[in-house]
Amino acid sequence: MNSAASSPAPIADRPANRMGRIAAVLVASALVAAGSAIAATPAYAFPVLITQDGMTFEGDDFDPAAGATVTAYNPTAASGGTDAVIPSSVTISGDTYPVVSIGYAAFRDEGLTSVVIPSSVKVIGNSAFEANHLDSAVIPNSVTSLGDSAFNYNGMTTVTIGNSVESIGEYAFEDNDLETVVIPDSVTTIGEYAFYENSLTSVTLGSSLVTIDDSAFEGNLLTSVTFPASIAAIGAGAFQLNGSPFDVVFLGAAPTMFVPAGLNGSLGASSPTLVHYGSAFAAPAVAAGFTSPTWQGYNVILNPIVTFDLAGRGAAIAPTEVPFGAALAAPAEPTASGYTFDGWYTDAALTTLADFSTVIAADTALFAGWSAVAAAAADAEPMLAATGISAPLLPIGVLAALLLAAGIVLRRRMA
């Protein structure tokens, strides 16, 4: 975190503005949970409860296969105490229930220092692990939904988000100490304030991400971010109050929902943000595309172009556009009759070989080096192995005629 202590403050001691947000989230969560329960519970459902090892589970007596939900935890009654280990299944009234979800506020403010979530869990509910002392968390690949405020106010430094999560709820990781985060390709939506007030210096956004809501990454230490081609909406203040300079790379078209530079600009203030984009997505060729030298109030720059000078030999290689911050993949080696390709050089004098692991930061020209292939000596005479004296090389037709004549003479003498 940029300003908060590593250990979360008790809920009652938090600033009034955050208390207001928390209260709003809790009320909304309770209403949604109640409505969902009414809508989803069949008329014949009969809830059954069991508490074991300090953990309370709830299931449907008529449908054990639907699984059980963890609804509460008492660390003082558990063998693991503040190191919670959630089982993958539980037996209730003789029936085995897979543990498929962690309910609303089930572990909230229980002083947890660690938690193990089994791969049977599919849903982590609102406020499930809010306000604990977790240093890290591993969300298994089975989880598809991560609720609002699920892990906020913990002081976590690392988190692994499973590759089946489709949505990350509002405030989900707010006010932690996360330094890096990888959003898997399965995620399509990141809720508002999801990573607010962490210590992020690196974020990798998955290839299916469509929406990033308001203030989702506000108040971190990011100096660059790359948006996938799928991005369509970036909310107000989503990346404001981050590092300086701040380089933003778009791999696809400009988002259709976006707040221009300013106090609540999607990317923060106009300075020090610099937007990088590909020429294929520039206006007017693309409707509502990127514009130069500014776009939505932010300074912009086209991706650098690499050109290839073949010195008039071989088939031409088309110029290549390289996304900001990326290196160029070496093209297939060119070929030319009578020449051997020696490599690519960064100067026309062919003194410095190109390094394809180096980031391309500006338009660049590469020059092909060639060596002429020595011509084969077609008339060279073979050397006699024993004497070192050259022997004339007779045409095959002449040699065959001589051998035939010698054979005829030999037969006549023997007759």
Protein backbone atom coordinates (compact mmCIF):
# COMPACT_ATOMS: atom_id res chain seq x y z
CA MET A 1 0.00 0.00 0.00
CA ASN A 2 1.10 3.54 -0.59
CA SER A 3 -0.26 4.99 2.63
CA ALA A 4 -1.80 2.29 4.81
CA ALA A 5 -0.06 0.06 7.34
CA SER A 6 0.58 -3.57 6.50
CA SER A 7 -1.96 -4.82 9.03
CA PRO A 8 -5.59 -3.85 8.35
CA ALA A 9 -7.31 -1.59 10.83
CA PRO A 10 -10.41 -2.93 12.56
CA ILE A 11 -13.51 -2.06 10.59
CA ALA A 12 -14.71 0.36 13.25
CA ASP A 13 -11.45 2.36 13.13
CA ARG A 14 -11.32 2.99 9.40
CA PRO A 15 -11.79 6.46 7.89
CA ALA A 16 -15.37 7.61 7.51
CA ASN A 17 -15.27 7.68 3.71
CA ARG A 18 -14.09 4.08 3.57
CA MET A 19 -16.64 3.11 6.22
CA GLY A 20 -19.31 4.60 4.01
CA ARG A 21 -18.12 2.56 1.06
CA ILE A 22 -17.91 -0.59 3.16
CA ALA A 23 -21.41 -0.05 4.57
CA ALA A 24 -22.81 0.47 1.08
CA VAL A 25 -21.11 -2.68 -0.18
CA LEU A 26 -22.36 -4.73 2.78
CA VAL A 27 -25.96 -3.57 2.44
CA ALA A 28 -25.95 -4.17 -1.31
CA SER A 29 -24.32 -7.56 -0.86
CA ALA A 30 -26.89 -8.62 1.71
CA LEU A 31 -29.78 -7.55 -0.52
CA VAL A 32 -28.31 -9.32 -3.54
CA ALA A 33 -27.59 -12.44 -1.51
CA ALA A 34 -31.11 -12.48 -0.11
CA GLY A 35 -32.67 -11.94 -3.52
CA SER A 36 -30.50 -14.63 -5.10
CA ALA A 37 -31.37 -17.11 -2.37
CA ILE A 38 -35.10 -16.49 -2.83
CA ALA A 39 -34.87 -16.77 -6.61
CA ALA A 40 -32.53 -19.77 -6.71
CA THR A 41 -33.89 -21.94 -3.87
CA PRO A 42 -36.44 -24.53 -5.07
CA ALA A 43 -39.68 -24.81 -3.13
CA TYR A 44 -38.68 -28.22 -1.83
CA ALA A 45 -35.22 -27.22 -0.64
CA PHE A 46 -34.47 -28.00 2.98
CA PRO A 47 -31.27 -26.40 4.29
CA VAL A 48 -29.11 -28.48 6.60
CA LEU A 49 -26.22 -27.17 8.73
CA ILE A 50 -23.18 -28.64 10.39
CA THR A 51 -20.27 -27.10 12.27
CA GLN A 52 -17.03 -29.00 12.50
CA ASP A 53 -13.54 -27.89 13.36
CA GLY A 54 -14.83 -24.34 13.82
CA MET A 55 -16.25 -24.15 10.29
CA THR A 56 -19.99 -24.01 9.53
CA PHE A 57 -21.39 -25.50 6.33
CA GLU A 58 -24.82 -25.30 4.76
CA GLY A 59 -26.30 -27.57 2.10
CA ASP A 60 -29.58 -28.72 0.57
CA ASP A 61 -30.84 -31.93 2.15
CA PHE A 62 -32.57 -32.85 -1.14
CA ASP A 63 -29.54 -32.25 -3.37
CA PRO A 64 -26.15 -33.13 -1.80
CA ALA A 65 -24.54 -33.13 -5.27
CA ALA A 66 -25.21 -29.36 -5.52
CA GLY A 67 -22.62 -28.93 -2.79
CA ALA A 68 -22.18 -27.06 0.45
CA THR A 69 -21.31 -23.47 1.27
CA VAL A 70 -18.99 -22.34 4.06
CA THR A 71 -21.04 -19.78 5.99
CA ALA A 72 -18.97 -19.02 9.11
CA TYR A 73 -15.68 -19.70 10.87
CA ASN A 74 -14.61 -19.59 14.49
CA PRO A 75 -10.79 -19.70 14.71
CA THR A 76 -10.82 -20.32 18.47
CA ALA A 77 -12.75 -23.56 17.95
CA ALA A 78 -10.70 -24.73 14.95
CA SER A 79 -7.64 -26.93 15.10
CA GLY A 80 -5.89 -24.67 12.59
CA GLY A 81 -6.86 -21.47 14.36
CA THR A 82 -5.90 -18.51 12.19
CA ASP A 83 -4.44 -20.88 9.56
CA ALA A 84 -7.67 -21.99 7.93
CA VAL A 85 -7.79 -25.09 5.74
CA ILE A 86 -11.10 -25.45 3.92
CA PRO A 87 -11.98 -29.11 3.14
CA SER A 88 -13.01 -30.16 -0.36
CA SER A 89 -16.04 -32.02 0.99
CA VAL A 90 -18.09 -32.34 4.15
CA THR A 91 -20.49 -34.98 5.49
CA ILE A 92 -23.89 -33.75 6.62
CA SER A 93 -26.50 -36.21 7.95
CA GLY A 94 -24.63 -39.08 6.33
CA ASP A 95 -24.44 -37.45 2.88
CA THR A 96 -21.22 -36.18 1.29
CA TYR A 97 -21.34 -32.61 -0.04
CA PRO A 98 -18.56 -31.11 -2.16
CA VAL A 99 -17.61 -27.68 -0.81
CA VAL A 100 -18.41 -25.47 -3.81
CA SER A 101 -18.67 -21.95 -2.41
CA ILE A 102 -17.53 -19.62 0.34
CA GLY A 103 -20.43 -17.54 1.53
CA TYR A 104 -20.90 -13.89 2.38
CA ALA A 105 -18.43 -12.72 5.07
CA ALA A 106 -17.71 -16.32 6.07
CA PHE A 107 -14.14 -15.54 7.24
CA ARG A 108 -14.38 -11.75 7.60
CA ASP A 109 -12.32 -10.14 10.37
CA GLU A 110 -11.26 -13.45 11.97
CA GLY A 111 -7.53 -12.69 12.18
CA LEU A 112 -6.57 -15.22 9.49
CA THR A 113 -2.87 -15.39 8.63
CA SER A 114 -3.25 -18.07 5.94
CA VAL A 115 -5.95 -19.95 4.07
CA VAL A 116 -6.06 -22.99 1.80
CA ILE A 117 -8.94 -22.98 -0.71
CA PRO A 118 -9.67 -26.40 -2.28
CA SER A 119 -10.14 -26.95 -5.99
CA SER A 120 -13.78 -27.89 -5.40
CA VAL A 121 -14.71 -24.25 -4.76
CA LYS A 122 -16.36 -22.41 -7.68
CA VAL A 123 -17.57 -19.19 -6.04
CA ILE A 124 -15.92 -16.90 -3.49
CA GLY A 125 -18.65 -14.65 -2.15
CA ASN A 126 -18.75 -11.01 -1.13
CA SER A 127 -16.48 -10.07 1.80
CA ALA A 128 -15.48 -13.73 2.19
CA PHE A 129 -11.95 -12.98 3.50
CA GLU A 130 -12.22 -9.25 4.14
CA ALA A 131 -10.18 -7.59 6.90
CA ASN A 132 -7.77 -10.36 7.91
CA HIS A 133 -3.96 -10.61 8.03
CA LEU A 134 -3.37 -12.74 4.94
CA ASP A 135 0.02 -12.28 3.32
CA SER A 136 -0.88 -14.25 0.20
CA ALA A 137 -3.68 -16.19 -1.41
CA VAL A 138 -4.00 -18.81 -4.13
CA ILE A 139 -7.37 -18.82 -5.88
CA PRO A 140 -7.72 -22.25 -7.53
CA ASN A 141 -8.53 -22.77 -11.20
CA SER A 142 -12.00 -24.05 -10.28
CA VAL A 143 -13.19 -20.60 -9.13
CA THR A 144 -15.27 -18.71 -11.72
CA SER A 145 -16.55 -15.78 -9.65
CA LEU A 146 -14.72 -13.57 -7.17
CA GLY A 147 -17.09 -11.43 -5.12
CA ASP A 148 -17.03 -7.81 -3.97
CA SER A 149 -14.54 -7.03 -1.18
CA ALA A 150 -13.48 -10.70 -1.19
CA PHE A 151 -9.89 -10.05 -0.04
CA ASN A 152 -9.70 -6.34 0.77
CA TYR A 153 -7.94 -4.94 3.84
CA ASN A 154 -5.49 -7.80 4.35
CA GLY A 155 -1.97 -6.57 3.62
CA MET A 156 -1.37 -9.27 0.99
CA THR A 157 1.83 -9.00 -1.04
CA THR A 158 1.04 -11.76 -3.56
CA VAL A 159 -2.04 -13.34 -5.08
CA THR A 160 -2.51 -16.03 -7.71
CA ILE A 161 -5.79 -15.77 -9.59
CA GLY A 162 -6.98 -19.03 -11.15
CA ASN A 163 -7.49 -19.34 -14.89
CA SER A 164 -11.27 -19.83 -14.75
CA VAL A 165 -12.20 -16.58 -12.96
CA GLU A 166 -14.55 -14.60 -15.21
CA SER A 167 -15.17 -11.54 -13.06
CA ILE A 168 -13.34 -9.76 -10.25
CA GLY A 169 -15.75 -7.97 -7.94
CA GLU A 170 -15.74 -4.39 -6.70
CA TYR A 171 -13.14 -3.64 -3.99
CA ALA A 172 -11.99 -7.28 -4.26
CA PHE A 173 -8.31 -6.56 -3.44
CA GLU A 174 -8.58 -2.97 -2.23
CA ASP A 175 -6.02 -1.74 0.29
CA ASN A 176 -3.43 -4.53 0.16
CA ASP A 177 0.31 -4.53 -0.56
CA LEU A 178 0.25 -6.33 -3.91
CA GLU A 179 3.29 -5.53 -6.08
CA THR A 180 2.49 -7.57 -9.20
CA VAL A 181 -0.68 -9.17 -10.48
CA VAL A 182 -1.51 -11.32 -13.51
CA ILE A 183 -5.12 -11.17 -14.69
CA PRO A 184 -5.85 -14.49 -16.46
CA ASP A 185 -7.27 -14.65 -19.97
CA SER A 186 -10.61 -15.86 -18.61
CA VAL A 187 -11.43 -12.53 -16.90
CA THR A 188 -13.79 -10.21 -18.82
CA THR A 189 -14.65 -7.67 -16.08
CA ILE A 190 -12.72 -5.98 -13.26
CA GLY A 191 -14.99 -4.13 -10.83
CA GLU A 192 -14.52 -0.62 -9.45
CA TYR A 193 -11.78 -0.12 -6.84
CA ALA A 194 -10.78 -3.79 -7.31
CA PHE A 195 -7.03 -3.07 -6.87
CA TYR A 196 -7.31 0.40 -5.34
CA GLU A 197 -4.44 1.51 -3.06
CA ASN A 198 -1.94 -1.31 -3.48
CA SER A 199 1.76 -1.12 -4.40
CA LEU A 200 1.50 -2.48 -7.93
CA THR A 201 4.51 -1.91 -10.16
CA SER A 202 3.41 -4.46 -12.77
CA VAL A 203 0.05 -5.67 -14.05
CA THR A 204 -0.60 -8.12 -16.88
CA LEU A 205 -4.09 -7.86 -18.35
CA GLY A 206 -5.60 -10.99 -19.91
CA SER A 207 -6.55 -11.26 -23.57
CA SER A 208 -10.33 -11.43 -22.96
CA LEU A 209 -10.69 -8.36 -20.74
CA VAL A 210 -13.55 -6.10 -21.88
CA THR A 211 -14.33 -3.76 -18.98
CA ILE A 212 -12.25 -2.08 -16.26
CA ASP A 213 -14.50 -0.09 -13.94
CA ASP A 214 -13.93 3.18 -12.08
CA SER A 215 -10.76 3.53 -9.99
CA ALA A 216 -9.95 -0.17 -10.42
CA PHE A 217 -6.15 0.44 -10.35
CA GLU A 218 -6.08 3.91 -8.82
CA GLY A 219 -3.33 4.76 -6.34
CA ASN A 220 -0.58 2.33 -7.33
CA LEU A 221 2.99 2.60 -8.66
CA LEU A 222 2.46 1.51 -12.26
CA THR A 223 4.67 3.07 -14.91
CA SER A 224 3.20 1.13 -17.84
CA VAL A 225 0.19 -0.95 -18.78
CA THR A 226 -0.74 -2.81 -21.96
CA PHE A 227 -4.40 -3.16 -22.90
CA PRO A 228 -5.45 -6.23 -24.92
CA ALA A 229 -7.29 -5.82 -28.22
CA SER A 230 -10.51 -6.90 -26.45
CA ILE A 231 -10.74 -3.84 -24.16
CA ALA A 232 -13.89 -1.78 -24.79
CA ALA A 233 -14.48 0.24 -21.60
CA ILE A 234 -12.17 1.94 -19.09
CA GLY A 235 -13.93 3.75 -16.27
CA ALA A 236 -13.31 7.09 -14.59
CA GLY A 237 -10.00 7.28 -12.71
CA ALA A 238 -9.25 3.63 -13.45
CA PHE A 239 -5.48 4.31 -13.55
CA GLN A 240 -5.12 7.73 -11.99
CA LEU A 241 -2.47 8.46 -9.35
CA ASN A 242 0.11 6.01 -10.61
CA GLY A 243 3.81 6.32 -11.52
CA SER A 244 5.63 8.87 -13.64
CA PRO A 245 6.14 8.57 -16.54
CA PHE A 246 3.13 6.43 -17.39
CA ASP A 247 3.21 4.61 -20.75
CA VAL A 248 -0.06 3.13 -21.97
CA VAL A 249 -0.10 0.64 -24.86
CA PHE A 250 -3.24 -0.28 -26.82
CA LEU A 251 -2.95 -3.50 -28.85
CA GLY A 252 -6.30 -2.93 -30.55
CA ALA A 253 -8.85 -0.25 -31.33
CA ALA A 254 -9.61 2.65 -29.03
CA PRO A 255 -12.11 1.80 -26.25
CA THR A 256 -15.65 2.98 -26.90
CA MET A 257 -16.27 3.94 -23.26
CA PHE A 258 -13.56 6.22 -21.89
CA VAL A 259 -13.18 9.37 -19.76
CA PRO A 260 -10.89 12.06 -21.25
CA ALA A 261 -7.80 13.36 -19.44
CA GLY A 262 -8.48 15.34 -16.29
CA LEU A 263 -9.25 14.93 -12.63
CA ASN A 264 -11.19 11.70 -13.23
CA GLY A 265 -9.65 10.74 -16.55
CA SER A 266 -9.52 7.01 -17.21
CA LEU A 267 -5.71 7.21 -17.36
CA GLY A 268 -5.40 10.06 -14.88
CA ALA A 269 -4.06 13.50 -15.70
CA SER A 270 -2.81 14.32 -19.19
CA SER A 271 0.78 14.44 -17.93
CA PRO A 272 2.85 12.27 -17.51
CA THR A 273 0.69 9.80 -19.51
CA LEU A 274 1.80 8.86 -23.03
CA VAL A 275 -0.47 6.67 -25.16
CA HIS A 276 1.01 4.26 -27.73
CA TYR A 277 -1.09 2.72 -30.49
CA GLY A 278 -0.88 0.90 -33.82
CA SER A 279 -1.29 2.66 -37.15
CA ALA A 280 -4.05 0.21 -38.14
CA PHE A 281 -6.31 1.78 -35.51
CA ALA A 282 -5.77 5.44 -36.32
CA ALA A 283 -8.50 7.84 -37.44
CA PRO A 284 -9.85 8.50 -40.02
CA ALA A 285 -9.23 4.96 -41.34
CA VAL A 286 -10.99 3.64 -38.23
CA ALA A 287 -14.12 5.37 -36.97
CA ALA A 288 -13.54 6.79 -33.47
CA GLY A 289 -9.93 5.67 -33.78
CA PHE A 290 -6.83 7.17 -32.22
CA THR A 291 -5.81 10.66 -33.24
CA SER A 292 -2.44 12.38 -33.30
CA PRO A 293 -0.75 14.29 -31.67
CA THR A 294 -3.35 13.91 -28.89
CA TRP A 295 -6.21 11.53 -28.18
CA GLN A 296 -8.85 12.14 -25.51
CA GLY A 297 -6.57 14.83 -24.10
CA TYR A 298 -3.53 12.53 -23.78
CA ASN A 299 -0.30 12.82 -25.77
CA VAL A 300 0.10 9.92 -28.18
CA ILE A 301 2.78 8.29 -30.29
CA LEU A 302 2.54 5.67 -33.05
CA ASN A 303 4.25 2.34 -32.53
CA PRO A 304 7.79 2.30 -33.99
CA ILE A 305 8.37 0.87 -37.47
CA VAL A 306 11.33 -1.34 -38.43
CA THR A 307 12.43 -1.31 -42.09
CA PHE A 308 14.79 -3.76 -43.83
CA ASP A 309 17.44 -2.69 -46.36
CA LEU A 310 18.52 -5.70 -48.45
CA ALA A 311 21.07 -3.81 -50.54
CA GLY A 312 19.19 -4.73 -53.69
CA ARG A 313 19.43 -8.48 -53.15
CA GLY A 314 16.81 -11.10 -52.28
CA ALA A 315 13.04 -10.73 -51.90
CA ALA A 316 11.82 -7.56 -50.19
CA ILE A 317 10.71 -7.74 -46.53
CA ALA A 318 7.74 -5.59 -45.52
CA PRO A 319 8.23 -3.01 -42.74
CA THR A 320 7.20 -4.33 -39.32
CA GLU A 321 5.35 -2.39 -36.60
CA VAL A 322 6.52 -3.19 -33.07
CA PRO A 323 4.37 -2.47 -29.96
CA PHE A 324 5.96 -0.09 -27.49
CA GLY A 325 8.24 -1.85 -25.02
CA ALA A 326 8.61 -4.96 -27.17
CA ALA A 327 11.55 -6.45 -29.02
CA LEU A 328 11.47 -7.37 -32.71
CA ALA A 329 11.29 -11.04 -33.66
CA ALA A 330 14.03 -11.78 -36.19
CA PRO A 331 12.59 -12.28 -39.70
CA ALA A 332 13.38 -15.35 -41.77
CA GLU A 333 16.87 -15.11 -43.25
CA PRO A 334 16.80 -13.71 -46.78
CA THR A 335 18.49 -15.51 -49.68
CA ALA A 336 20.13 -14.26 -52.88
CA SER A 337 21.77 -16.18 -55.69
CA GLY A 338 25.54 -16.02 -55.48
CA TYR A 339 25.57 -14.59 -51.95
CA THR A 340 25.59 -15.77 -48.37
CA PHE A 341 23.57 -13.80 -45.78
CA ASP A 342 25.82 -12.56 -42.96
CA GLY A 343 23.19 -11.07 -40.61
CA TRP A 344 21.34 -7.82 -39.88
CA TYR A 345 23.22 -4.67 -38.93
CA THR A 346 22.08 -1.43 -37.34
CA ASP A 347 24.19 0.75 -39.65
CA ALA A 348 24.78 0.98 -43.39
CA ALA A 349 28.51 0.47 -42.85
CA LEU A 350 27.73 -2.99 -41.44
CA THR A 351 29.79 -2.57 -38.29
CA THR A 352 27.24 -3.39 -35.55
CA LEU A 353 25.11 -6.54 -35.56
CA ALA A 354 21.47 -6.09 -34.54
CA ASP A 355 20.41 -7.50 -31.16
CA PHE A 356 16.87 -8.91 -31.44
CA SER A 357 16.44 -9.02 -27.67
CA THR A 358 16.64 -5.23 -27.45
CA VAL A 359 13.42 -3.25 -27.02
CA ILE A 360 12.53 -1.15 -30.08
CA ALA A 361 11.86 2.37 -28.83
CA ALA A 362 11.86 4.35 -32.11
CA ASP A 363 11.68 3.89 -35.88
CA THR A 364 14.62 1.70 -36.86
CA ALA A 365 16.34 0.61 -40.10
CA LEU A 366 18.20 -2.69 -40.35
CA PHE A 367 20.76 -3.46 -43.08
CA ALA A 368 21.51 -6.89 -44.55
CA GLY A 369 25.11 -8.05 -44.77
CA TRP A 370 26.14 -10.26 -47.69
CA SER A 371 29.23 -12.20 -48.79
CA ALA A 372 29.78 -13.24 -52.40
CA VAL A 373 30.08 -16.97 -52.95
CA ALA A 374 33.41 -17.91 -54.67
CA ALA A 375 32.91 -19.27 -58.21
CA ALA A 376 33.80 -22.98 -58.66
CA ALA A 377 36.83 -23.64 -60.95
CA ALA A 378 35.06 -25.55 -63.74
CA ASP A 379 38.28 -26.33 -65.69
CA ALA A 380 40.44 -27.34 -62.78
CA GLU A 381 42.49 -30.49 -63.44
CA PRO A 382 42.46 -33.23 -60.78
CA MET A 383 45.76 -34.08 -59.11
CA LEU A 384 47.22 -37.56 -59.16
CA ALA A 385 47.19 -38.75 -55.61
CA ALA A 386 50.63 -40.34 -55.61
CA THR A 387 52.60 -37.78 -57.63
CA GLY A 388 50.83 -34.51 -57.14
CA ILE A 389 50.96 -34.09 -60.96
CA SER A 390 47.84 -32.75 -62.57
CA ALA A 391 46.02 -35.10 -64.91
CA PRO A 392 43.93 -33.86 -67.82
CA LEU A 393 40.21 -34.41 -67.36
CA LEU A 394 38.74 -36.08 -70.49
CA PRO A 395 35.11 -35.72 -71.44
CA ILE A 396 33.08 -38.82 -70.62
CA GLY A 397 32.16 -39.44 -74.27
CA VAL A 398 35.82 -39.39 -75.41
CA LEU A 399 36.85 -41.66 -72.54
CA ALA A 400 34.12 -44.18 -73.39
CA ALA A 401 35.18 -44.25 -77.06
CA LEU A 402 38.81 -44.90 -76.15
CA LEU A 403 37.85 -47.74 -73.82
CA LEU A 404 35.69 -49.32 -76.53
CA ALA A 405 38.51 -49.14 -79.11
CA ALA A 406 40.98 -50.65 -76.64
CA GLY A 407 38.61 -53.53 -76.06
CA ILE A 408 38.26 -54.26 -79.77
CA VAL A 409 42.06 -54.30 -80.30
CA LEU A 410 42.51 -56.62 -77.31
CA ARG A 411 39.96 -59.14 -78.63
CA ARG A 412 41.61 -59.23 -82.09
CA ARG A 413 45.02 -59.98 -80.62
CA MET A 414 43.59 -62.77 -78.51
CA ALA A 415 41.75 -64.31 -81.50
